[in-house]
Amino acid sequence: MTPPRFAALIPAAGSGSRLGFGIPKALVDLQGKTLLERAIENLAPLVDEVVVALPEGQSIESPVKQIVGGNTRQDSVFRLLQATEADFVLIHDAARPFLGAKVLERIKGRVIQSGAVTAALPATDTLVHSSGGFWGYLVDRSKTWAVQTPQAFRRTLILDAHLKALQEGFEATDDAGLANKYGSNVELVLGDSRLFKVTTPADFELATAFAQLWDQKRSTPS
């Protein structure tokens, strides 16, 4: 029996204006490697194919497949889904540069069974609903998870969800939300606190401090 093929899809066409470097966020250098290079480095050993969506006119020195992204993240992912014929896809934010192999293996193992999964972490902070900028009411954190990436799907399942969203003009914040809207149960798979997203200058400072430790750990033989 032929094993299923996995493709990693990286939407990297966003401007990253909140980060403030004046270039696409995925191309920002973090301790000698761009955020995108780090994402590719983490994903490539555990998938059959990596496909990246870049801003028009941009390219990277890498053997991975490169396509032109869209005006929105959702549009870029839709184009990425059309650029592969893999059985399963792992959609990952380049802005999450510290993706470990254990999380990837968990995601791959479960998506074959579930068809739609996302990395996520149980909430640990006290959560409140805001009311006009003030404390409204407590949210039960025992039932609350923070969603991360990778998010993995049977390719036909998530492509169908994107086609329906395109027909209806619906925009989701992520692909797991899109899959759920159109009837798929999305399994929550334990992620990692190191999978934080680099969005603001403060996030970048934290990533800079952590990158050296991460790189040393990766280069140390096990």
N, C-alpha and C. Protein backbone atom coordinates (compact mmCIF):
# COMPACT_ATOMS: atom_id res chain seq x y z
N MET A 1 0.84 -1.19 0.00
CA MET A 1 0.00 0.00 0.00
C MET A 1 0.88 1.25 0.00
N THR A 2 0.60 2.16 -0.91
CA THR A 2 1.40 3.38 -1.01
C THR A 2 1.10 4.31 0.16
N PRO A 3 2.12 4.77 0.88
CA PRO A 3 1.86 5.69 2.00
C PRO A 3 1.33 7.02 1.49
N PRO A 4 0.52 7.71 2.30
CA PRO A 4 -0.02 9.00 1.87
C PRO A 4 1.08 10.05 1.72
N ARG A 5 0.88 10.94 0.77
CA ARG A 5 1.83 12.03 0.56
C ARG A 5 1.40 13.26 1.33
N PHE A 6 2.40 13.91 1.95
CA PHE A 6 2.17 15.13 2.73
C PHE A 6 2.87 16.31 2.06
N ALA A 7 2.17 17.42 1.99
CA ALA A 7 2.78 18.67 1.53
C ALA A 7 2.65 19.71 2.63
N ALA A 8 3.71 20.48 2.85
CA ALA A 8 3.66 21.63 3.76
C ALA A 8 3.41 22.88 2.93
N LEU A 9 2.40 23.63 3.29
CA LEU A 9 2.03 24.85 2.57
C LEU A 9 2.28 26.05 3.48
N ILE A 10 3.05 27.00 2.98
CA ILE A 10 3.42 28.17 3.79
C ILE A 10 2.95 29.44 3.09
N PRO A 11 1.88 30.07 3.58
CA PRO A 11 1.48 31.36 3.02
C PRO A 11 2.40 32.46 3.56
N ALA A 12 3.22 33.03 2.68
CA ALA A 12 4.24 33.98 3.13
C ALA A 12 4.20 35.26 2.29
N ALA A 13 2.99 35.66 1.90
CA ALA A 13 2.85 36.84 1.04
C ALA A 13 2.40 38.08 1.80
N GLY A 14 2.24 37.96 3.12
CA GLY A 14 1.76 39.10 3.91
C GLY A 14 2.81 40.19 4.08
N SER A 15 2.34 41.40 4.32
CA SER A 15 3.25 42.55 4.43
C SER A 15 3.94 42.62 5.78
N GLY A 16 3.29 42.12 6.82
CA GLY A 16 3.89 42.19 8.16
C GLY A 16 4.04 43.60 8.67
N SER A 17 3.06 44.46 8.39
CA SER A 17 3.17 45.88 8.74
C SER A 17 3.29 46.11 10.24
N ARG A 18 2.65 45.26 11.06
CA ARG A 18 2.71 45.45 12.51
C ARG A 18 4.10 45.19 13.06
N LEU A 19 4.92 44.41 12.32
CA LEU A 19 6.27 44.14 12.79
C LEU A 19 7.19 45.34 12.54
N GLY A 20 6.90 46.10 11.48
CA GLY A 20 7.56 47.38 11.28
C GLY A 20 8.92 47.36 10.61
N PHE A 21 9.25 46.29 9.85
CA PHE A 21 10.55 46.24 9.17
C PHE A 21 10.49 46.78 7.75
N GLY A 22 9.30 47.00 7.23
CA GLY A 22 9.17 47.55 5.89
C GLY A 22 9.36 46.53 4.78
N ILE A 23 9.44 45.24 5.13
CA ILE A 23 9.54 44.16 4.15
C ILE A 23 8.56 43.07 4.56
N PRO A 24 8.23 42.14 3.65
CA PRO A 24 7.35 41.05 4.04
C PRO A 24 7.87 40.33 5.28
N LYS A 25 6.97 40.07 6.22
CA LYS A 25 7.39 39.51 7.51
C LYS A 25 8.18 38.22 7.37
N ALA A 26 7.76 37.37 6.44
CA ALA A 26 8.42 36.08 6.28
C ALA A 26 9.88 36.22 5.87
N LEU A 27 10.25 37.38 5.31
CA LEU A 27 11.62 37.58 4.83
C LEU A 27 12.49 38.34 5.83
N VAL A 28 11.95 38.61 7.01
CA VAL A 28 12.72 39.28 8.07
C VAL A 28 13.76 38.32 8.63
N ASP A 29 14.99 38.81 8.82
CA ASP A 29 16.07 37.98 9.33
C ASP A 29 15.97 37.83 10.84
N LEU A 30 16.08 36.60 11.29
CA LEU A 30 16.10 36.30 12.72
C LEU A 30 17.34 35.49 13.02
N GLN A 31 18.35 36.17 13.52
CA GLN A 31 19.60 35.52 13.89
C GLN A 31 20.21 34.71 12.74
N GLY A 32 20.31 35.35 11.57
CA GLY A 32 21.00 34.73 10.44
C GLY A 32 20.14 33.92 9.49
N LYS A 33 18.87 33.73 9.82
CA LYS A 33 17.94 33.03 8.93
C LYS A 33 16.62 33.79 8.92
N THR A 34 15.98 33.85 7.75
CA THR A 34 14.68 34.49 7.71
C THR A 34 13.65 33.61 8.40
N LEU A 35 12.54 34.23 8.78
CA LEU A 35 11.45 33.45 9.38
C LEU A 35 11.00 32.35 8.43
N LEU A 36 10.95 32.66 7.14
CA LEU A 36 10.55 31.67 6.15
C LEU A 36 11.56 30.53 6.05
N GLU A 37 12.84 30.86 6.05
CA GLU A 37 13.87 29.81 6.01
C GLU A 37 13.74 28.87 7.20
N ARG A 38 13.45 29.43 8.35
CA ARG A 38 13.29 28.59 9.54
C ARG A 38 12.07 27.67 9.40
N ALA A 39 10.99 28.20 8.86
CA ALA A 39 9.80 27.37 8.66
C ALA A 39 10.09 26.21 7.71
N ILE A 40 10.76 26.52 6.61
CA ILE A 40 11.10 25.47 5.63
C ILE A 40 12.02 24.44 6.26
N GLU A 41 13.01 24.90 7.00
CA GLU A 41 13.97 24.01 7.64
C GLU A 41 13.28 23.04 8.60
N ASN A 42 12.27 23.52 9.30
CA ASN A 42 11.56 22.68 10.26
C ASN A 42 10.63 21.68 9.59
N LEU A 43 10.02 22.08 8.47
CA LEU A 43 9.01 21.27 7.83
C LEU A 43 9.57 20.26 6.83
N ALA A 44 10.56 20.69 6.05
CA ALA A 44 11.01 19.90 4.89
C ALA A 44 11.40 18.45 5.22
N PRO A 45 12.10 18.18 6.34
CA PRO A 45 12.51 16.79 6.59
C PRO A 45 11.36 15.82 6.82
N LEU A 46 10.17 16.33 7.13
CA LEU A 46 9.07 15.44 7.53
C LEU A 46 7.89 15.45 6.56
N VAL A 47 8.07 16.05 5.40
CA VAL A 47 7.01 16.04 4.38
C VAL A 47 7.62 15.68 3.03
N ASP A 48 6.75 15.42 2.07
CA ASP A 48 7.21 15.05 0.73
C ASP A 48 7.44 16.27 -0.16
N GLU A 49 6.82 17.39 0.20
CA GLU A 49 6.88 18.58 -0.64
C GLU A 49 6.61 19.81 0.20
N VAL A 50 7.30 20.91 -0.11
CA VAL A 50 7.03 22.20 0.51
C VAL A 50 6.67 23.19 -0.59
N VAL A 51 5.56 23.90 -0.42
CA VAL A 51 5.14 24.91 -1.37
C VAL A 51 4.95 26.22 -0.62
N VAL A 52 5.52 27.29 -1.16
CA VAL A 52 5.51 28.60 -0.51
C VAL A 52 4.81 29.61 -1.40
N ALA A 53 3.95 30.43 -0.82
CA ALA A 53 3.31 31.53 -1.53
C ALA A 53 4.00 32.83 -1.14
N LEU A 54 4.57 33.53 -2.11
CA LEU A 54 5.35 34.74 -1.89
C LEU A 54 4.68 35.95 -2.54
N PRO A 55 5.05 37.17 -2.10
CA PRO A 55 4.53 38.36 -2.78
C PRO A 55 4.98 38.37 -4.24
N GLU A 56 4.18 38.99 -5.08
CA GLU A 56 4.53 39.07 -6.50
C GLU A 56 5.89 39.75 -6.67
N GLY A 57 6.74 39.15 -7.49
CA GLY A 57 8.07 39.70 -7.74
C GLY A 57 9.14 39.22 -6.77
N GLN A 58 8.74 38.45 -5.73
CA GLN A 58 9.70 37.94 -4.75
C GLN A 58 10.02 36.48 -5.04
N SER A 59 11.24 36.08 -4.71
CA SER A 59 11.63 34.68 -4.79
C SER A 59 12.69 34.43 -3.72
N ILE A 60 12.93 33.18 -3.41
CA ILE A 60 13.94 32.82 -2.42
C ILE A 60 14.86 31.77 -3.03
N GLU A 61 16.09 31.71 -2.51
CA GLU A 61 17.04 30.70 -2.97
C GLU A 61 16.78 29.42 -2.21
N SER A 62 15.92 28.62 -2.78
CA SER A 62 15.52 27.36 -2.12
C SER A 62 14.94 26.44 -3.19
N PRO A 63 15.13 25.13 -3.04
CA PRO A 63 14.57 24.19 -4.01
C PRO A 63 13.07 23.97 -3.85
N VAL A 64 12.43 24.57 -2.85
CA VAL A 64 11.01 24.35 -2.65
C VAL A 64 10.21 25.02 -3.77
N LYS A 65 9.01 24.53 -3.99
CA LYS A 65 8.13 25.11 -5.01
C LYS A 65 7.63 26.47 -4.55
N GLN A 66 7.67 27.46 -5.43
CA GLN A 66 7.29 28.82 -5.09
C GLN A 66 6.21 29.32 -6.04
N ILE A 67 5.15 29.92 -5.47
CA ILE A 67 4.08 30.48 -6.27
C ILE A 67 3.81 31.91 -5.81
N VAL A 68 3.06 32.65 -6.59
CA VAL A 68 2.66 34.01 -6.22
C VAL A 68 1.43 33.93 -5.32
N GLY A 69 1.51 34.59 -4.17
CA GLY A 69 0.40 34.59 -3.24
C GLY A 69 -0.69 35.56 -3.64
N GLY A 70 -1.77 35.56 -2.87
CA GLY A 70 -2.90 36.43 -3.15
C GLY A 70 -2.90 37.67 -2.29
N ASN A 71 -4.01 38.41 -2.35
CA ASN A 71 -4.13 39.64 -1.58
C ASN A 71 -4.43 39.40 -0.11
N THR A 72 -4.94 38.21 0.20
CA THR A 72 -5.22 37.84 1.58
C THR A 72 -4.59 36.49 1.88
N ARG A 73 -4.48 36.17 3.16
CA ARG A 73 -3.94 34.87 3.55
C ARG A 73 -4.81 33.75 2.98
N GLN A 74 -6.11 33.93 3.08
CA GLN A 74 -7.02 32.89 2.60
C GLN A 74 -6.84 32.65 1.10
N ASP A 75 -6.67 33.73 0.35
CA ASP A 75 -6.44 33.60 -1.09
C ASP A 75 -5.12 32.87 -1.36
N SER A 76 -4.08 33.20 -0.58
CA SER A 76 -2.79 32.52 -0.76
C SER A 76 -2.90 31.03 -0.49
N VAL A 77 -3.62 30.66 0.58
CA VAL A 77 -3.77 29.24 0.90
C VAL A 77 -4.54 28.52 -0.20
N PHE A 78 -5.57 29.16 -0.73
CA PHE A 78 -6.33 28.56 -1.82
C PHE A 78 -5.42 28.27 -3.02
N ARG A 79 -4.55 29.21 -3.34
CA ARG A 79 -3.61 29.00 -4.44
C ARG A 79 -2.62 27.88 -4.12
N LEU A 80 -2.19 27.82 -2.87
CA LEU A 80 -1.27 26.76 -2.47
C LEU A 80 -1.93 25.38 -2.59
N LEU A 81 -3.19 25.29 -2.22
CA LEU A 81 -3.90 24.02 -2.33
C LEU A 81 -4.02 23.55 -3.78
N GLN A 82 -4.11 24.51 -4.69
CA GLN A 82 -4.19 24.17 -6.10
C GLN A 82 -2.83 23.80 -6.69
N ALA A 83 -1.76 24.12 -5.96
CA ALA A 83 -0.40 23.90 -6.47
C ALA A 83 0.19 22.56 -6.04
N THR A 84 -0.59 21.75 -5.32
CA THR A 84 -0.09 20.44 -4.90
C THR A 84 -1.16 19.38 -5.15
N GLU A 85 -0.69 18.14 -5.27
CA GLU A 85 -1.61 17.01 -5.40
C GLU A 85 -1.43 16.04 -4.24
N ALA A 86 -0.82 16.50 -3.16
CA ALA A 86 -0.60 15.65 -2.00
C ALA A 86 -1.93 15.20 -1.40
N ASP A 87 -1.90 14.07 -0.70
CA ASP A 87 -3.11 13.56 -0.04
C ASP A 87 -3.49 14.41 1.17
N PHE A 88 -2.46 14.84 1.91
CA PHE A 88 -2.68 15.65 3.11
C PHE A 88 -1.79 16.89 3.05
N VAL A 89 -2.30 17.98 3.62
CA VAL A 89 -1.52 19.23 3.64
C VAL A 89 -1.39 19.73 5.06
N LEU A 90 -0.21 20.29 5.36
CA LEU A 90 0.04 20.95 6.63
C LEU A 90 0.24 22.43 6.34
N ILE A 91 -0.67 23.26 6.82
CA ILE A 91 -0.61 24.70 6.56
C ILE A 91 0.01 25.36 7.78
N HIS A 92 1.11 26.08 7.54
CA HIS A 92 1.88 26.61 8.67
C HIS A 92 2.26 28.07 8.43
N ASP A 93 2.18 28.87 9.49
CA ASP A 93 2.59 30.28 9.44
C ASP A 93 4.10 30.39 9.50
N ALA A 94 4.68 31.09 8.53
CA ALA A 94 6.12 31.35 8.59
C ALA A 94 6.49 32.13 9.84
N ALA A 95 5.52 32.86 10.39
CA ALA A 95 5.77 33.68 11.58
C ALA A 95 5.85 32.87 12.87
N ARG A 96 5.76 31.55 12.76
CA ARG A 96 5.97 30.68 13.93
C ARG A 96 7.25 29.88 13.66
N PRO A 97 8.42 30.46 13.97
CA PRO A 97 9.70 29.89 13.53
C PRO A 97 10.21 28.72 14.35
N PHE A 98 9.58 28.41 15.48
CA PHE A 98 10.12 27.38 16.37
C PHE A 98 9.17 26.18 16.41
N LEU A 99 9.13 25.46 15.31
CA LEU A 99 8.26 24.29 15.17
C LEU A 99 9.09 23.02 15.34
N GLY A 100 8.77 22.25 16.37
CA GLY A 100 9.53 21.04 16.66
C GLY A 100 8.98 19.82 15.96
N ALA A 101 9.83 18.80 15.80
CA ALA A 101 9.44 17.58 15.10
C ALA A 101 8.35 16.82 15.83
N LYS A 102 8.33 16.87 17.16
CA LYS A 102 7.33 16.12 17.91
C LYS A 102 5.91 16.61 17.61
N VAL A 103 5.76 17.93 17.52
CA VAL A 103 4.44 18.49 17.18
C VAL A 103 4.04 18.04 15.77
N LEU A 104 4.99 18.12 14.84
CA LEU A 104 4.72 17.71 13.47
C LEU A 104 4.28 16.26 13.39
N GLU A 105 4.96 15.40 14.10
CA GLU A 105 4.62 13.98 14.08
C GLU A 105 3.23 13.73 14.67
N ARG A 106 2.91 14.46 15.74
CA ARG A 106 1.57 14.32 16.33
C ARG A 106 0.50 14.73 15.32
N ILE A 107 0.73 15.86 14.66
CA ILE A 107 -0.22 16.37 13.68
C ILE A 107 -0.41 15.38 12.54
N LYS A 108 0.69 14.88 12.00
CA LYS A 108 0.62 13.94 10.87
C LYS A 108 -0.10 12.65 11.27
N GLY A 109 0.19 12.18 12.47
CA GLY A 109 -0.43 10.94 12.91
C GLY A 109 -1.93 11.05 13.07
N ARG A 110 -2.41 12.19 13.55
CA ARG A 110 -3.83 12.33 13.81
C ARG A 110 -4.64 12.72 12.57
N VAL A 111 -4.05 13.47 11.65
CA VAL A 111 -4.84 13.94 10.51
C VAL A 111 -5.26 12.78 9.61
N ILE A 112 -4.48 11.72 9.57
CA ILE A 112 -4.85 10.55 8.77
C ILE A 112 -6.14 9.95 9.31
N GLN A 113 -6.33 10.01 10.63
CA GLN A 113 -7.53 9.46 11.25
C GLN A 113 -8.69 10.45 11.21
N SER A 114 -8.41 11.73 11.50
CA SER A 114 -9.47 12.72 11.69
C SER A 114 -9.83 13.51 10.43
N GLY A 115 -8.86 13.70 9.55
CA GLY A 115 -9.12 14.48 8.35
C GLY A 115 -8.90 15.96 8.50
N ALA A 116 -9.01 16.46 9.75
CA ALA A 116 -8.81 17.90 10.00
C ALA A 116 -8.33 18.07 11.44
N VAL A 117 -7.14 18.62 11.62
CA VAL A 117 -6.59 18.82 12.96
C VAL A 117 -5.83 20.14 13.01
N THR A 118 -5.67 20.65 14.21
CA THR A 118 -4.84 21.83 14.40
C THR A 118 -4.05 21.71 15.69
N ALA A 119 -2.83 22.23 15.67
CA ALA A 119 -2.08 22.36 16.91
C ALA A 119 -2.77 23.42 17.77
N ALA A 120 -2.79 23.18 19.06
CA ALA A 120 -3.43 24.12 19.98
C ALA A 120 -2.93 23.84 21.39
N LEU A 121 -3.08 24.86 22.25
CA LEU A 121 -2.66 24.71 23.64
C LEU A 121 -3.81 25.07 24.58
N PRO A 122 -4.02 24.27 25.63
CA PRO A 122 -5.03 24.65 26.63
C PRO A 122 -4.66 26.00 27.25
N ALA A 123 -5.66 26.85 27.42
CA ALA A 123 -5.42 28.16 28.02
C ALA A 123 -4.94 28.00 29.46
N THR A 124 -3.96 28.83 29.85
CA THR A 124 -3.45 28.79 31.22
C THR A 124 -3.70 30.11 31.96
N ASP A 125 -3.90 31.19 31.22
CA ASP A 125 -4.18 32.49 31.85
C ASP A 125 -5.65 32.59 32.24
N THR A 126 -5.95 33.49 33.15
CA THR A 126 -7.34 33.85 33.42
C THR A 126 -7.88 34.57 32.19
N LEU A 127 -9.06 34.19 31.76
CA LEU A 127 -9.66 34.78 30.56
C LEU A 127 -10.94 35.51 30.93
N VAL A 128 -11.10 36.71 30.41
CA VAL A 128 -12.32 37.48 30.66
C VAL A 128 -12.87 38.02 29.35
N HIS A 129 -14.17 38.16 29.30
CA HIS A 129 -14.83 38.81 28.18
C HIS A 129 -14.86 40.31 28.46
N SER A 130 -14.43 41.11 27.51
CA SER A 130 -14.37 42.56 27.69
C SER A 130 -15.74 43.18 27.48
N SER A 131 -16.02 44.18 28.30
CA SER A 131 -17.25 44.95 28.15
C SER A 131 -16.88 46.43 28.15
N GLY A 132 -16.76 47.01 26.95
CA GLY A 132 -16.40 48.43 26.85
C GLY A 132 -15.03 48.75 27.40
N GLY A 133 -14.10 47.78 27.30
CA GLY A 133 -12.76 48.00 27.82
C GLY A 133 -12.61 47.66 29.29
N PHE A 134 -13.68 47.16 29.91
CA PHE A 134 -13.64 46.79 31.32
C PHE A 134 -13.90 45.30 31.47
N TRP A 135 -13.62 44.81 32.67
CA TRP A 135 -13.85 43.40 33.00
C TRP A 135 -15.34 43.11 32.86
N GLY A 136 -15.66 42.18 31.95
CA GLY A 136 -17.06 41.82 31.76
C GLY A 136 -17.41 40.60 32.58
N TYR A 137 -17.03 39.41 32.08
CA TYR A 137 -17.27 38.19 32.84
C TYR A 137 -16.18 37.18 32.53
N LEU A 138 -15.98 36.25 33.46
CA LEU A 138 -14.96 35.23 33.30
C LEU A 138 -15.36 34.23 32.22
N VAL A 139 -14.35 33.80 31.46
CA VAL A 139 -14.52 32.74 30.47
C VAL A 139 -13.95 31.46 31.09
N ASP A 140 -14.66 30.35 30.96
CA ASP A 140 -14.20 29.08 31.52
C ASP A 140 -12.99 28.59 30.74
N ARG A 141 -11.81 28.78 31.32
CA ARG A 141 -10.59 28.42 30.59
C ARG A 141 -10.41 26.90 30.47
N SER A 142 -11.11 26.12 31.26
CA SER A 142 -10.97 24.66 31.17
C SER A 142 -11.48 24.13 29.83
N LYS A 143 -12.26 24.95 29.13
CA LYS A 143 -12.78 24.55 27.82
C LYS A 143 -12.21 25.41 26.69
N THR A 144 -11.17 26.15 27.00
CA THR A 144 -10.63 27.11 26.03
C THR A 144 -9.21 26.74 25.63
N TRP A 145 -8.97 26.74 24.32
CA TRP A 145 -7.65 26.44 23.77
C TRP A 145 -7.19 27.58 22.88
N ALA A 146 -5.89 27.82 22.86
CA ALA A 146 -5.29 28.80 21.94
C ALA A 146 -4.84 28.07 20.68
N VAL A 147 -5.36 28.47 19.54
CA VAL A 147 -5.10 27.78 18.29
C VAL A 147 -3.75 28.21 17.71
N GLN A 148 -2.98 27.24 17.22
CA GLN A 148 -1.68 27.49 16.62
C GLN A 148 -1.66 26.91 15.20
N THR A 149 -0.52 26.88 14.60
CA THR A 149 -0.27 26.09 13.40
C THR A 149 0.96 25.23 13.68
N PRO A 150 1.11 24.10 12.96
CA PRO A 150 0.44 23.69 11.74
C PRO A 150 -1.02 23.28 11.96
N GLN A 151 -1.80 23.49 10.88
CA GLN A 151 -3.13 22.93 10.78
C GLN A 151 -3.10 21.97 9.59
N ALA A 152 -3.59 20.78 9.79
CA ALA A 152 -3.45 19.74 8.75
C ALA A 152 -4.81 19.20 8.35
N PHE A 153 -4.90 18.86 7.05
CA PHE A 153 -6.18 18.43 6.50
C PHE A 153 -5.98 17.41 5.39
N ARG A 154 -7.00 16.58 5.19
CA ARG A 154 -7.08 15.88 3.92
C ARG A 154 -7.26 16.96 2.85
N ARG A 155 -6.43 16.93 1.85
CA ARG A 155 -6.42 18.04 0.89
C ARG A 155 -7.79 18.30 0.26
N THR A 156 -8.51 17.24 -0.12
CA THR A 156 -9.80 17.43 -0.75
C THR A 156 -10.80 18.10 0.19
N LEU A 157 -10.69 17.82 1.49
CA LEU A 157 -11.60 18.40 2.48
C LEU A 157 -11.41 19.90 2.58
N ILE A 158 -10.18 20.35 2.74
CA ILE A 158 -9.95 21.78 2.94
C ILE A 158 -10.09 22.55 1.63
N LEU A 159 -9.78 21.91 0.51
CA LEU A 159 -10.00 22.58 -0.78
C LEU A 159 -11.49 22.82 -1.01
N ASP A 160 -12.32 21.84 -0.65
CA ASP A 160 -13.77 22.01 -0.79
C ASP A 160 -14.27 23.15 0.09
N ALA A 161 -13.74 23.26 1.32
CA ALA A 161 -14.13 24.36 2.22
C ALA A 161 -13.75 25.70 1.62
N HIS A 162 -12.56 25.79 1.02
CA HIS A 162 -12.13 27.04 0.40
C HIS A 162 -13.01 27.41 -0.79
N LEU A 163 -13.40 26.42 -1.57
CA LEU A 163 -14.27 26.69 -2.71
C LEU A 163 -15.63 27.22 -2.25
N LYS A 164 -16.18 26.65 -1.19
CA LYS A 164 -17.45 27.12 -0.65
C LYS A 164 -17.32 28.53 -0.10
N ALA A 165 -16.21 28.80 0.58
CA ALA A 165 -15.99 30.13 1.13
C ALA A 165 -15.87 31.17 0.01
N LEU A 166 -15.21 30.79 -1.07
CA LEU A 166 -15.06 31.69 -2.21
C LEU A 166 -16.42 32.01 -2.82
N GLN A 167 -17.26 30.99 -2.93
CA GLN A 167 -18.60 31.20 -3.50
C GLN A 167 -19.45 32.10 -2.62
N GLU A 168 -19.28 32.00 -1.30
CA GLU A 168 -20.10 32.77 -0.36
C GLU A 168 -19.48 34.09 0.06
N GLY A 169 -18.20 34.30 -0.31
CA GLY A 169 -17.51 35.51 0.12
C GLY A 169 -17.19 35.52 1.60
N PHE A 170 -16.98 34.34 2.17
CA PHE A 170 -16.70 34.22 3.60
C PHE A 170 -15.20 34.26 3.85
N GLU A 171 -14.78 35.04 4.85
CA GLU A 171 -13.36 35.13 5.23
C GLU A 171 -13.19 34.60 6.65
N ALA A 172 -12.29 33.65 6.82
CA ALA A 172 -12.00 33.08 8.14
C ALA A 172 -10.63 33.55 8.61
N THR A 173 -10.38 33.48 9.91
CA THR A 173 -9.07 33.88 10.43
C THR A 173 -8.04 32.78 10.25
N ASP A 174 -8.51 31.54 10.07
CA ASP A 174 -7.57 30.45 9.82
C ASP A 174 -8.31 29.31 9.12
N ASP A 175 -7.56 28.31 8.71
CA ASP A 175 -8.14 27.23 7.90
C ASP A 175 -8.96 26.26 8.74
N ALA A 176 -8.59 26.08 10.00
CA ALA A 176 -9.38 25.21 10.86
C ALA A 176 -10.78 25.79 11.06
N GLY A 177 -10.86 27.09 11.21
CA GLY A 177 -12.16 27.75 11.34
C GLY A 177 -12.98 27.61 10.08
N LEU A 178 -12.31 27.67 8.94
CA LEU A 178 -12.98 27.50 7.66
C LEU A 178 -13.53 26.09 7.52
N ALA A 179 -12.71 25.10 7.86
CA ALA A 179 -13.14 23.71 7.78
C ALA A 179 -14.33 23.46 8.71
N ASN A 180 -14.27 24.01 9.90
CA ASN A 180 -15.34 23.82 10.87
C ASN A 180 -16.65 24.45 10.39
N LYS A 181 -16.57 25.62 9.78
CA LYS A 181 -17.78 26.29 9.30
C LYS A 181 -18.53 25.42 8.30
N TYR A 182 -17.78 24.68 7.49
CA TYR A 182 -18.41 23.89 6.44
C TYR A 182 -18.54 22.41 6.81
N GLY A 183 -18.65 22.16 8.12
CA GLY A 183 -19.11 20.86 8.57
C GLY A 183 -18.07 19.86 9.03
N SER A 184 -16.80 20.23 9.06
CA SER A 184 -15.77 19.28 9.48
C SER A 184 -15.49 19.41 10.97
N ASN A 185 -15.37 18.29 11.65
CA ASN A 185 -14.91 18.29 13.03
C ASN A 185 -13.40 18.43 13.02
N VAL A 186 -12.89 19.43 13.72
CA VAL A 186 -11.45 19.69 13.74
C VAL A 186 -10.89 19.24 15.08
N GLU A 187 -10.01 18.27 15.05
CA GLU A 187 -9.41 17.75 16.28
C GLU A 187 -8.32 18.69 16.77
N LEU A 188 -8.30 18.93 18.09
CA LEU A 188 -7.25 19.74 18.71
C LEU A 188 -6.12 18.81 19.13
N VAL A 189 -4.93 19.07 18.60
CA VAL A 189 -3.74 18.27 18.89
C VAL A 189 -2.78 19.14 19.69
N LEU A 190 -2.21 18.58 20.75
CA LEU A 190 -1.36 19.36 21.64
C LEU A 190 -0.21 20.01 20.88
N GLY A 191 -0.12 21.34 20.98
CA GLY A 191 0.95 22.09 20.33
C GLY A 191 2.14 22.28 21.27
N ASP A 192 2.68 23.50 21.27
CA ASP A 192 3.89 23.78 22.04
C ASP A 192 3.93 25.27 22.33
N SER A 193 4.28 25.65 23.54
CA SER A 193 4.35 27.08 23.90
C SER A 193 5.41 27.82 23.09
N ARG A 194 6.39 27.07 22.55
CA ARG A 194 7.42 27.70 21.73
C ARG A 194 6.92 28.05 20.33
N LEU A 195 5.70 27.65 20.02
CA LEU A 195 5.12 27.94 18.72
C LEU A 195 4.41 29.30 18.70
N PHE A 196 4.94 30.25 19.46
CA PHE A 196 4.32 31.58 19.46
C PHE A 196 4.52 32.27 18.11
N LYS A 197 3.63 33.18 17.81
CA LYS A 197 3.63 33.86 16.52
C LYS A 197 4.34 35.21 16.63
N VAL A 198 5.26 35.46 15.72
CA VAL A 198 5.99 36.73 15.69
C VAL A 198 5.14 37.74 14.92
N THR A 199 4.50 38.64 15.65
CA THR A 199 3.59 39.62 15.04
C THR A 199 4.02 41.05 15.33
N THR A 200 4.47 41.31 16.55
CA THR A 200 4.82 42.66 16.98
C THR A 200 6.32 42.77 17.27
N PRO A 201 6.84 43.99 17.41
CA PRO A 201 8.25 44.14 17.79
C PRO A 201 8.59 43.41 19.09
N ALA A 202 7.68 43.38 20.04
CA ALA A 202 7.93 42.67 21.29
C ALA A 202 8.08 41.16 21.05
N ASP A 203 7.25 40.63 20.16
CA ASP A 203 7.38 39.21 19.80
C ASP A 203 8.74 38.94 19.17
N PHE A 204 9.19 39.88 18.33
CA PHE A 204 10.47 39.69 17.65
C PHE A 204 11.63 39.72 18.65
N GLU A 205 11.54 40.56 19.66
CA GLU A 205 12.57 40.59 20.70
C GLU A 205 12.63 39.24 21.42
N LEU A 206 11.46 38.68 21.72
CA LEU A 206 11.42 37.38 22.38
C LEU A 206 12.00 36.30 21.48
N ALA A 207 11.66 36.34 20.19
CA ALA A 207 12.16 35.35 19.24
C ALA A 207 13.68 35.46 19.09
N THR A 208 14.20 36.68 19.09
CA THR A 208 15.64 36.89 18.98
C THR A 208 16.37 36.29 20.17
N ALA A 209 15.80 36.47 21.33
CA ALA A 209 16.42 35.92 22.55
C ALA A 209 16.40 34.40 22.54
N PHE A 210 15.35 33.83 21.98
CA PHE A 210 15.20 32.38 22.01
C PHE A 210 15.92 31.68 20.86
N ALA A 211 16.14 32.38 19.74
CA ALA A 211 16.67 31.75 18.53
C ALA A 211 18.03 31.10 18.74
N GLN A 212 18.92 31.76 19.48
CA GLN A 212 20.25 31.20 19.69
C GLN A 212 20.17 29.87 20.43
N LEU A 213 19.33 29.81 21.45
CA LEU A 213 19.16 28.56 22.20
C LEU A 213 18.57 27.47 21.30
N TRP A 214 17.60 27.83 20.49
CA TRP A 214 16.97 26.89 19.56
C TRP A 214 17.98 26.33 18.57
N ASP A 215 18.79 27.23 17.99
CA ASP A 215 19.76 26.81 16.99
C ASP A 215 20.84 25.92 17.60
N GLN A 216 21.26 26.24 18.82
CA GLN A 216 22.25 25.40 19.49
C GLN A 216 21.70 24.00 19.74
N LYS A 217 20.46 23.93 20.15
CA LYS A 217 19.85 22.63 20.42
C LYS A 217 19.74 21.80 19.15
N ARG A 218 19.40 22.44 18.04
CA ARG A 218 19.26 21.72 16.77
C ARG A 218 20.61 21.20 16.26
N SER A 219 21.68 21.96 16.54
CA SER A 219 22.99 21.58 16.03
C SER A 219 23.72 20.58 16.91
N THR A 220 23.16 20.32 18.11
CA THR A 220 23.79 19.37 19.04
C THR A 220 23.35 17.96 18.72
N PRO A 221 24.27 17.04 18.44
CA PRO A 221 23.88 15.65 18.13
C PRO A 221 23.14 15.03 19.29
N SER A 222 22.10 14.27 18.97
CA SER A 222 21.32 13.63 20.05
C SER A 222 21.96 12.31 20.46
